[in-house]
C-alpha atoms as a PDB file:
ATOM      1  CA  MET A   1       0.023  -0.045  -0.113  1.00  0.00           C
ATOM      2  CA  SER A   2       1.405   3.409  -1.220  1.00  0.00           C
ATOM      3  CA  GLU A   3       1.949   6.194   1.745  1.00  0.00           C
ATOM      4  CA  SER A   4       0.049   9.190   1.230  1.00  0.00           C
ATOM      5  CA  MET A   5       2.344  12.407   0.838  1.00  0.00           C
ATOM      6  CA  THR A   6       2.273  15.227   3.472  1.00  0.00           C
ATOM      7  CA  PRO A   7       1.783  18.427   1.796  1.00  0.00           C
ATOM      8  CA  VAL A   8       4.354  20.983   1.761  1.00  0.00           C
ATOM      9  CA  ALA A   9       4.357  24.759   2.138  1.00  0.00           C
ATOM     10  CA  LEU A  10       6.947  27.356   1.668  1.00  0.00           C
ATOM     11  CA  THR A  11       7.250  30.322   3.941  1.00  0.00           C
ATOM     12  CA  ILE A  12       9.190  33.125   2.154  1.00  0.00           C
ATOM     13  CA  ALA A  13       9.991  35.286   5.232  1.00  0.00           C
ATOM     14  CA  GLY A  14      12.065  37.106   7.982  1.00  0.00           C
ATOM     15  CA  SER A  15      13.257  35.016  11.213  1.00  0.00           C
ATOM     16  CA  ASP A  16      11.807  36.355  14.521  1.00  0.00           C
ATOM     17  CA  SER A  17      14.643  35.839  17.377  1.00  0.00           C
ATOM     18  CA  GLY A  18      11.656  36.028  19.892  1.00  0.00           C
ATOM     19  CA  ALA A  19      10.238  33.097  17.583  1.00  0.00           C
ATOM     20  CA  GLY A  20       6.410  34.950  18.015  1.00  0.00           C
ATOM     21  CA  ALA A  21       6.030  35.766  14.196  1.00  0.00           C
ATOM     22  CA  GLY A  22       8.075  35.321  11.373  1.00  0.00           C
ATOM     23  CA  ALA A  23       9.240  31.915  10.065  1.00  0.00           C
ATOM     24  CA  GLN A  24       8.824  30.611  13.196  1.00  0.00           C
ATOM     25  CA  ALA A  25       5.197  30.963  13.819  1.00  0.00           C
ATOM     26  CA  ASP A  26       4.809  29.988  10.266  1.00  0.00           C
ATOM     27  CA  LEU A  27       6.715  26.820  10.721  1.00  0.00           C
ATOM     28  CA  LEU A  28       4.659  26.202  14.134  1.00  0.00           C
ATOM     29  CA  THR A  29       1.296  27.010  12.138  1.00  0.00           C
ATOM     30  CA  PHE A  30       2.042  24.624   9.182  1.00  0.00           C
ATOM     31  CA  ALA A  31       3.017  21.733  11.662  1.00  0.00           C
ATOM     32  CA  ALA A  32      -0.356  22.307  13.597  1.00  0.00           C
ATOM     33  CA  HIS A  33      -2.386  21.739  10.279  1.00  0.00           C
ATOM     34  CA  GLY A  34      -0.385  18.629   9.134  1.00  0.00           C
ATOM     35  CA  VAL A  35       1.519  20.435   6.761  1.00  0.00           C
ATOM     36  CA  PHE A  36       5.566  19.947   6.317  1.00  0.00           C
ATOM     37  CA  GLY A  37       6.728  23.523   6.446  1.00  0.00           C
ATOM     38  CA  THR A  38      10.025  24.564   4.185  1.00  0.00           C
ATOM     39  CA  THR A  39      11.424  28.034   4.446  1.00  0.00           C
ATOM     40  CA  ALA A  40      13.536  30.786   2.505  1.00  0.00           C
ATOM     41  CA  VAL A  41      14.602  33.621   5.121  1.00  0.00           C
ATOM     42  CA  THR A  42      14.399  36.909   3.569  1.00  0.00           C
ATOM     43  CA  CYS A  43      15.635  38.876   6.725  1.00  0.00           C
ATOM     44  CA  LEU A  44      17.108  38.460  10.347  1.00  0.00           C
ATOM     45  CA  THR A  45      15.699  40.300  13.103  1.00  0.00           C
ATOM     46  CA  ALA A  46      16.900  40.768  16.506  1.00  0.00           C
ATOM     47  CA  GLN A  47      14.078  41.449  18.533  1.00  0.00           C
ATOM     48  CA  ASN A  48      11.825  40.180  21.694  1.00  0.00           C
ATOM     49  CA  PRO A  49       8.466  41.099  22.914  1.00  0.00           C
ATOM     50  CA  THR A  50       9.722  44.774  23.897  1.00  0.00           C
ATOM     51  CA  GLY A  51      10.522  45.744  20.278  1.00  0.00           C
ATOM     52  CA  VAL A  52      12.986  45.210  17.269  1.00  0.00           C
ATOM     53  CA  ALA A  53      16.726  46.128  17.930  1.00  0.00           C
ATOM     54  CA  GLY A  54      17.960  45.297  14.427  1.00  0.00           C
ATOM     55  CA  VAL A  55      17.131  44.111  10.957  1.00  0.00           C
ATOM     56  CA  ARG A  56      19.484  42.507   8.520  1.00  0.00           C
ATOM     57  CA  ALA A  57      18.275  41.464   5.059  1.00  0.00           C
ATOM     58  CA  VAL A  58      19.462  38.509   3.193  1.00  0.00           C
ATOM     59  CA  GLU A  59      20.700  39.112  -0.353  1.00  0.00           C
ATOM     60  CA  PRO A  60      18.110  38.657  -3.042  1.00  0.00           C
ATOM     61  CA  ASP A  61      20.219  35.966  -4.865  1.00  0.00           C
ATOM     62  CA  PHE A  62      20.395  33.835  -1.827  1.00  0.00           C
ATOM     63  CA  VAL A  63      16.769  34.232  -0.969  1.00  0.00           C
ATOM     64  CA  MET A  64      16.157  32.948  -4.496  1.00  0.00           C
ATOM     65  CA  ALA A  65      18.452  30.023  -3.938  1.00  0.00           C
ATOM     66  CA  GLN A  66      16.646  29.029  -0.792  1.00  0.00           C
ATOM     67  CA  CYS A  67      13.508  28.995  -2.728  1.00  0.00           C
ATOM     68  CA  GLU A  68      14.776  26.868  -5.648  1.00  0.00           C
ATOM     69  CA  GLN A  69      16.345  24.344  -3.708  1.00  0.00           C
ATOM     70  CA  VAL A  70      12.911  23.907  -1.687  1.00  0.00           C
ATOM     71  CA  ARG A  71      11.072  23.760  -5.107  1.00  0.00           C
ATOM     72  CA  ALA A  72      13.438  21.003  -6.754  1.00  0.00           C
ATOM     73  CA  HIS A  73      13.179  18.771  -3.843  1.00  0.00           C
ATOM     74  CA  PHE A  74       9.898  19.358  -1.759  1.00  0.00           C
ATOM     75  CA  ARG A  75       7.703  20.747  -4.697  1.00  0.00           C
ATOM     76  CA  PRO A  76       5.526  22.824  -2.168  1.00  0.00           C
ATOM     77  CA  THR A  77       2.050  23.227  -3.593  1.00  0.00           C
ATOM     78  CA  ALA A  78       1.277  26.573  -1.548  1.00  0.00           C
ATOM     79  CA  ALA A  79       3.587  29.341  -0.334  1.00  0.00           C
ATOM     80  CA  LYS A  80       3.425  32.668   1.866  1.00  0.00           C
ATOM     81  CA  THR A  81       5.249  35.517   1.957  1.00  0.00           C
ATOM     82  CA  GLY A  82       5.831  37.636   5.083  1.00  0.00           C
ATOM     83  CA  MET A  83       8.633  40.274   5.827  1.00  0.00           C
ATOM     84  CA  LEU A  84      10.504  41.203   2.448  1.00  0.00           C
ATOM     85  CA  LEU A  85      11.982  44.658   3.738  1.00  0.00           C
ATOM     86  CA  GLU A  86      13.638  45.436   0.456  1.00  0.00           C
ATOM     87  CA  ALA A  87      12.459  46.299  -3.175  1.00  0.00           C
ATOM     88  CA  ALA A  88      14.788  43.853  -4.738  1.00  0.00           C
ATOM     89  CA  ILE A  89      13.941  41.005  -2.491  1.00  0.00           C
ATOM     90  CA  VAL A  90      10.279  41.600  -3.162  1.00  0.00           C
ATOM     91  CA  ARG A  91      11.070  41.686  -7.013  1.00  0.00           C
ATOM     92  CA  ALA A  92      13.093  38.545  -6.740  1.00  0.00           C
ATOM     93  CA  VAL A  93      10.127  36.700  -5.137  1.00  0.00           C
ATOM     94  CA  ALA A  94       7.688  38.012  -7.556  1.00  0.00           C
ATOM     95  CA  GLY A  95       9.768  36.346 -10.399  1.00  0.00           C
ATOM     96  CA  PHE A  96      10.135  33.160  -8.232  1.00  0.00           C
ATOM     97  CA  ILE A  97       6.387  32.968  -7.759  1.00  0.00           C
ATOM     98  CA  ARG A  98       5.622  33.813 -11.276  1.00  0.00           C
ATOM     99  CA  SER A  99       8.114  31.222 -12.725  1.00  0.00           C
ATOM    100  CA  SER A 100       6.892  28.509 -10.322  1.00  0.00           C
ATOM    101  CA  GLY A 101       3.195  29.076 -10.282  1.00  0.00           C
ATOM    102  CA  ILE A 102       2.807  28.288  -6.814  1.00  0.00           C
ATOM    103  CA  PRO A 103      -0.368  29.608  -5.360  1.00  0.00           C
ATOM    104  CA  VAL A 104       0.817  32.324  -2.637  1.00  0.00           C
ATOM    105  CA  VAL A 105      -0.461  34.243   0.210  1.00  0.00           C
ATOM    106  CA  VAL A 106       1.009  37.607   0.409  1.00  0.00           C
ATOM    107  CA  ASP A 107       1.143  39.025   4.139  1.00  0.00           C
ATOM    108  CA  PRO A 108       1.836  42.735   3.118  1.00  0.00           C
ATOM    109  CA  VAL A 109       4.293  43.171   6.380  1.00  0.00           C
ATOM    110  CA  MET A 110       5.008  46.825   6.241  1.00  0.00           C
ATOM    111  CA  VAL A 111       5.313  48.355   9.952  1.00  0.00           C
ATOM    112  CA  ALA A 112       5.891  46.409  13.303  1.00  0.00           C
ATOM    113  CA  THR A 113       3.431  47.328  16.276  1.00  0.00           C
ATOM    114  CA  SER A 114       6.371  48.571  17.915  1.00  0.00           C
ATOM    115  CA  GLY A 115       7.067  51.275  14.886  1.00  0.00           C
ATOM    116  CA  ALA A 116       9.855  49.359  13.622  1.00  0.00           C
ATOM    117  CA  THR A 117       9.827  49.504   9.471  1.00  0.00           C
ATOM    118  CA  LEU A 118       9.504  46.026   7.967  1.00  0.00           C
ATOM    119  CA  LEU A 119       8.968  47.327   4.410  1.00  0.00           C
ATOM    120  CA  ARG A 120      11.494  50.081   3.198  1.00  0.00           C
ATOM    121  CA  PRO A 121       9.140  52.714   1.351  1.00  0.00           C
ATOM    122  CA  GLU A 122      10.755  52.164  -2.075  1.00  0.00           C
ATOM    123  CA  ALA A 123       9.751  48.614  -1.613  1.00  0.00           C
ATOM    124  CA  ILE A 124       6.110  49.375  -1.472  1.00  0.00           C
ATOM    125  CA  GLU A 125       5.549  50.126  -4.886  1.00  0.00           C
ATOM    126  CA  ALA A 126       7.300  46.901  -6.051  1.00  0.00           C
ATOM    127  CA  LEU A 127       4.790  45.115  -3.799  1.00  0.00           C
ATOM    128  CA  ARG A 128       1.829  46.957  -5.385  1.00  0.00           C
ATOM    129  CA  LYS A 129       2.963  46.204  -8.940  1.00  0.00           C
ATOM    130  CA  GLU A 130       4.979  43.276  -9.018  1.00  0.00           C
ATOM    131  CA  LEU A 131       3.851  40.577  -6.128  1.00  0.00           C
ATOM    132  CA  ILE A 132       0.429  41.778  -5.176  1.00  0.00           C
ATOM    133  CA  PRO A 133      -1.386  40.968  -8.364  1.00  0.00           C
ATOM    134  CA  LEU A 134       0.142  37.506  -8.215  1.00  0.00           C
ATOM    135  CA  ALA A 135      -1.300  36.437  -5.068  1.00  0.00           C
ATOM    136  CA  ALA A 136      -4.106  33.944  -4.159  1.00  0.00           C
ATOM    137  CA  VAL A 137      -4.652  36.545  -1.616  1.00  0.00           C
ATOM    138  CA  VAL A 138      -3.552  39.425   0.076  1.00  0.00           C
ATOM    139  CA  THR A 139      -4.026  39.888   3.798  1.00  0.00           C
ATOM    140  CA  PRO A 140      -3.507  43.334   5.293  1.00  0.00           C
ATOM    141  CA  ASN A 141      -4.242  44.548   8.550  1.00  0.00           C
ATOM    142  CA  LEU A 142      -6.129  48.010   8.527  1.00  0.00           C
ATOM    143  CA  ASP A 143      -2.804  50.050   8.803  1.00  0.00           C
ATOM    144  CA  GLU A 144      -1.332  48.204   5.560  1.00  0.00           C
ATOM    145  CA  ALA A 145      -4.728  48.470   3.779  1.00  0.00           C
ATOM    146  CA  ALA A 146      -4.764  52.050   4.447  1.00  0.00           C
ATOM    147  CA  ILE A 147      -1.463  52.323   2.795  1.00  0.00           C
ATOM    148  CA  LEU A 148      -2.928  50.381  -0.177  1.00  0.00           C
ATOM    149  CA  LEU A 149      -6.021  52.339  -0.379  1.00  0.00           C
ATOM    150  CA  GLY A 150      -4.015  55.586  -0.034  1.00  0.00           C
ATOM    151  CA  ARG A 151      -6.562  56.610   2.635  1.00  0.00           C
ATOM    152  CA  LYS A 152      -7.688  55.618   6.329  1.00  0.00           C
ATOM    153  CA  ALA A 153      -8.971  52.058   6.393  1.00  0.00           C
ATOM    154  CA  VAL A 154     -11.751  51.774   9.282  1.00  0.00           C
ATOM    155  CA  GLY A 155     -13.001  48.319   8.861  1.00  0.00           C
ATOM    156  CA  GLY A 156     -16.111  47.021  10.958  1.00  0.00           C
ATOM    157  CA  LYS A 157     -19.032  47.647   8.677  1.00  0.00           C
ATOM    158  CA  ALA A 158     -16.684  49.353   6.237  1.00  0.00           C
ATOM    159  CA  ALA A 159     -14.581  45.890   5.839  1.00  0.00           C
ATOM    160  CA  ALA A 160     -16.140  44.316   3.082  1.00  0.00           C
ATOM    161  CA  SER A 161     -16.237  47.286   0.855  1.00  0.00           C
ATOM    162  CA  GLU A 162     -12.723  48.006   1.505  1.00  0.00           C
ATOM    163  CA  ALA A 163     -11.565  44.422   0.661  1.00  0.00           C
ATOM    164  CA  SER A 164     -13.681  44.517  -2.334  1.00  0.00           C
ATOM    165  CA  GLU A 165     -12.005  48.054  -3.601  1.00  0.00           C
ATOM    166  CA  LEU A 166      -8.772  46.720  -2.883  1.00  0.00           C
ATOM    167  CA  ALA A 167      -9.479  43.403  -4.629  1.00  0.00           C
ATOM    168  CA  ARG A 168     -10.846  45.419  -7.905  1.00  0.00           C
ATOM    169  CA  ALA A 169      -7.880  47.603  -7.805  1.00  0.00           C
ATOM    170  CA  PHE A 170      -5.060  44.706  -7.742  1.00  0.00           C
ATOM    171  CA  GLY A 171      -7.112  42.164  -9.660  1.00  0.00           C
ATOM    172  CA  ALA A 172      -6.445  39.758  -6.453  1.00  0.00           C
ATOM    173  CA  PRO A 173      -8.863  38.665  -3.531  1.00  0.00           C
ATOM    174  CA  PHE A 174      -8.165  40.434  -0.425  1.00  0.00           C
ATOM    175  CA  LEU A 175      -8.662  39.445   3.445  1.00  0.00           C
ATOM    176  CA  VAL A 176      -8.814  42.972   5.483  1.00  0.00           C
ATOM    177  CA  LYS A 177      -8.256  42.036   8.946  1.00  0.00           C
ATOM    178  CA  GLY A 178      -9.989  43.920  12.066  1.00  0.00           C
ATOM    179  CA  GLY A 179      -7.750  43.404  14.565  1.00  0.00           C
ATOM    180  CA  HIS A 180      -6.232  46.955  14.793  1.00  0.00           C
ATOM    181  CA  GLY A 181      -9.866  48.462  14.637  1.00  0.00           C
ATOM    182  CA  GLN A 182     -10.960  49.989  17.866  1.00  0.00           C
ATOM    183  CA  SER A 183     -13.967  47.970  18.514  1.00  0.00           C
ATOM    184  CA  ASP A 184     -13.888  44.477  20.640  1.00  0.00           C
ATOM    185  CA  ALA A 185     -16.363  43.132  17.940  1.00  0.00           C
ATOM    186  CA  LEU A 186     -13.997  42.289  14.985  1.00  0.00           C
ATOM    187  CA  VAL A 187     -14.745  41.928  11.581  1.00  0.00           C
ATOM    188  CA  ASP A 188     -12.284  40.312   8.876  1.00  0.00           C
ATOM    189  CA  ALA A 189     -13.457  40.578   5.209  1.00  0.00           C
ATOM    190  CA  LEU A 190     -12.721  38.406   2.480  1.00  0.00           C
ATOM    191  CA  ALA A 191     -13.569  39.919  -1.240  1.00  0.00           C
ATOM    192  CA  TRP A 192     -12.631  38.659  -4.817  1.00  0.00           C
ATOM    193  CA  PRO A 193     -12.227  40.976  -8.010  1.00  0.00           C
ATOM    194  CA  ASP A 194     -15.438  39.873  -9.261  1.00  0.00           C
ATOM    195  CA  GLY A 195     -17.267  41.351  -6.427  1.00  0.00           C
ATOM    196  CA  ARG A 196     -17.919  38.319  -4.111  1.00  0.00           C
ATOM    197  CA  ALA A 197     -17.330  38.988  -0.376  1.00  0.00           C
ATOM    198  CA  ILE A 198     -17.655  37.240   2.997  1.00  0.00           C
ATOM    199  CA  GLU A 199     -17.526  38.550   6.652  1.00  0.00           C
ATOM    200  CA  LEU A 200     -15.719  36.647   9.266  1.00  0.00           C
ATOM    201  CA  HIS A 201     -16.662  37.904  12.915  1.00  0.00           C
ATOM    202  CA  SER A 202     -14.889  37.371  16.481  1.00  0.00           C
ATOM    203  CA  VAL A 203     -14.586  39.130  19.817  1.00  0.00           C
ATOM    204  CA  ARG A 204     -11.429  40.711  20.604  1.00  0.00           C
ATOM    205  CA  VAL A 205      -9.605  38.439  23.432  1.00  0.00           C
ATOM    206  CA  HIS A 206      -8.065  41.087  25.923  1.00  0.00           C
ATOM    207  CA  GLY A 207      -4.752  40.020  28.015  1.00  0.00           C
ATOM    208  CA  VAL A 208      -3.421  38.058  25.241  1.00  0.00           C
ATOM    209  CA  ASP A 209      -0.008  39.185  23.541  1.00  0.00           C
ATOM    210  CA  THR A 210      -0.925  38.766  19.747  1.00  0.00           C
ATOM    211  CA  HIS A 211       2.233  39.428  18.193  1.00  0.00           C
ATOM    212  CA  GLY A 212       2.392  37.227  15.288  1.00  0.00           C
ATOM    213  CA  SER A 213      -1.555  36.569  14.519  1.00  0.00           C
ATOM    214  CA  GLY A 214      -0.776  37.923  11.087  1.00  0.00           C
ATOM    215  CA  CYS A 215       1.830  35.769  10.300  1.00  0.00           C
ATOM    216  CA  THR A 216      -0.319  32.828  11.810  1.00  0.00           C
ATOM    217  CA  LEU A 217      -3.543  33.800   9.730  1.00  0.00           C
ATOM    218  CA  SER A 218      -1.608  33.855   6.585  1.00  0.00           C
ATOM    219  CA  ALA A 219       0.349  30.755   7.396  1.00  0.00           C
ATOM    220  CA  ALA A 220      -2.941  28.933   8.295  1.00  0.00           C
ATOM    221  CA  ILE A 221      -4.398  29.880   4.843  1.00  0.00           C
ATOM    222  CA  ALA A 222      -1.434  28.615   3.063  1.00  0.00           C
ATOM    223  CA  ALA A 223      -1.710  25.430   4.784  1.00  0.00           C
ATOM    224  CA  GLY A 224      -5.237  25.096   3.585  1.00  0.00           C
ATOM    225  CA  LEU A 225      -4.275  25.692  -0.091  1.00  0.00           C
ATOM    226  CA  ALA A 226      -1.451  23.491   0.191  1.00  0.00           C
ATOM    227  CA  LYS A 227      -4.173  20.754   1.322  1.00  0.00           C
ATOM    228  CA  GLY A 228      -6.023  21.619  -2.066  1.00  0.00           C
ATOM    229  CA  HIS A 229      -8.930  23.432  -0.361  1.00  0.00           C
ATOM    230  CA  ASP A 230     -10.218  26.364  -2.122  1.00  0.00           C
ATOM    231  CA  LEU A 231      -9.598  29.785  -1.103  1.00  0.00           C
ATOM    232  CA  GLY A 232     -13.046  30.436   1.009  1.00  0.00           C
ATOM    233  CA  THR A 233     -12.613  27.198   2.796  1.00  0.00           C
ATOM    234  CA  SER A 234      -8.901  27.931   3.569  1.00  0.00           C
ATOM    235  CA  VAL A 235      -9.809  31.341   4.866  1.00  0.00           C
ATOM    236  CA  ARG A 236     -12.760  30.135   7.092  1.00  0.00           C
ATOM    237  CA  GLN A 237     -10.787  27.267   8.697  1.00  0.00           C
ATOM    238  CA  ALA A 238      -7.660  29.711   9.348  1.00  0.00           C
ATOM    239  CA  HIS A 239      -9.682  32.227  10.921  1.00  0.00           C
ATOM    240  CA  ALA A 240     -11.323  29.702  13.129  1.00  0.00           C
ATOM    241  CA  TYR A 241      -7.805  28.211  14.226  1.00  0.00           C
ATOM    242  CA  LEU A 242      -6.590  31.660  14.859  1.00  0.00           C
ATOM    243  CA  GLN A 243      -9.450  32.447  17.079  1.00  0.00           C
ATOM    244  CA  GLU A 244      -8.821  29.189  19.198  1.00  0.00           C
ATOM    245  CA  ALA A 245      -5.092  29.874  19.235  1.00  0.00           C
ATOM    246  CA  ILE A 246      -5.909  33.210  21.229  1.00  0.00           C
ATOM    247  CA  ARG A 247      -8.533  32.017  23.167  1.00  0.00           C
ATOM    248  CA  ARG A 248      -6.278  29.285  24.593  1.00  0.00           C
ATOM    249  CA  PRO A 249      -2.996  31.265  25.081  1.00  0.00           C
ATOM    250  CA  LEU A 250       0.309  29.638  26.151  1.00  0.00           C
ATOM    251  CA  PRO A 251       1.897  31.225  29.216  1.00  0.00           C
ATOM    252  CA  VAL A 252       5.674  32.107  28.317  1.00  0.00           C
ATOM    253  CA  ALA A 253       8.228  34.179  29.838  1.00  0.00           C
ATOM    254  CA  GLY A 254       5.481  36.298  31.769  1.00  0.00           C
ATOM    255  CA  LEU A 255       3.274  36.702  28.534  1.00  0.00           C
ATOM    256  CA  ARG A 256       0.189  34.977  27.343  1.00  0.00           C
ATOM    257  CA  CYS A 257       1.174  34.095  23.821  1.00  0.00           C
ATOM    258  CA  ILE A 258      -0.891  32.326  20.878  1.00  0.00           C
ATOM    259  CA  ARG A 259      -1.004  28.654  21.209  1.00  0.00           C
ATOM    260  CA  HIS A 260      -0.276  26.799  18.015  1.00  0.00           C
ATOM    261  CA  LEU A 261      -2.537  23.801  18.555  1.00  0.00           C
END
């Protein structure tokens, strides 16, 4: 009897030395979904929960070498991007996605909660023009959605219309996340360029360190795609996974962190 193959996903993202976000969170999420995780590290960060002390970019050709080695042997069936930092890395990753045809979840990581810049200004245009149009879905928070919209994103009741506007503008599905909103009633909205849209509702959980929640959500979506699920199913399951991971936090070093189930 032949053994069924474990699905493989690739994260193209930065390394978080505190392990709450970045490639480390992605690998934990992939594993929780029964998906084998592979990596192409784009940046090294020196950080812990109090902030980011330093960032070092990996040369774009070495980012691509990692991607190609993974593709050659593991043949991932989905990928996600996280922190890309520089325009040259964005362009290189876009070239890899274009040539490989791997469906990619684009998490447009731009600014850390601490205020540290995670995508340099000149890289935003490369992201807009070269990578986002290739995405299976783009997952901005409200701050990132505002940059892409060119105006404040308010979420809540407006989340679906904001996601739809972005989907039409870029020709790719958008999941606008509501966690940065002011209300405790949170709305995430997924919209497709053809006008379809769905809303996912949750309630804010207080007292939990949600650092890495965006990475976790995008990795969970990629895991669903790697297993052959459609986008709507992947997003719904990822949203449910994240809510449960937040509701059952893991006590670590004085914090209550996201628990990867």
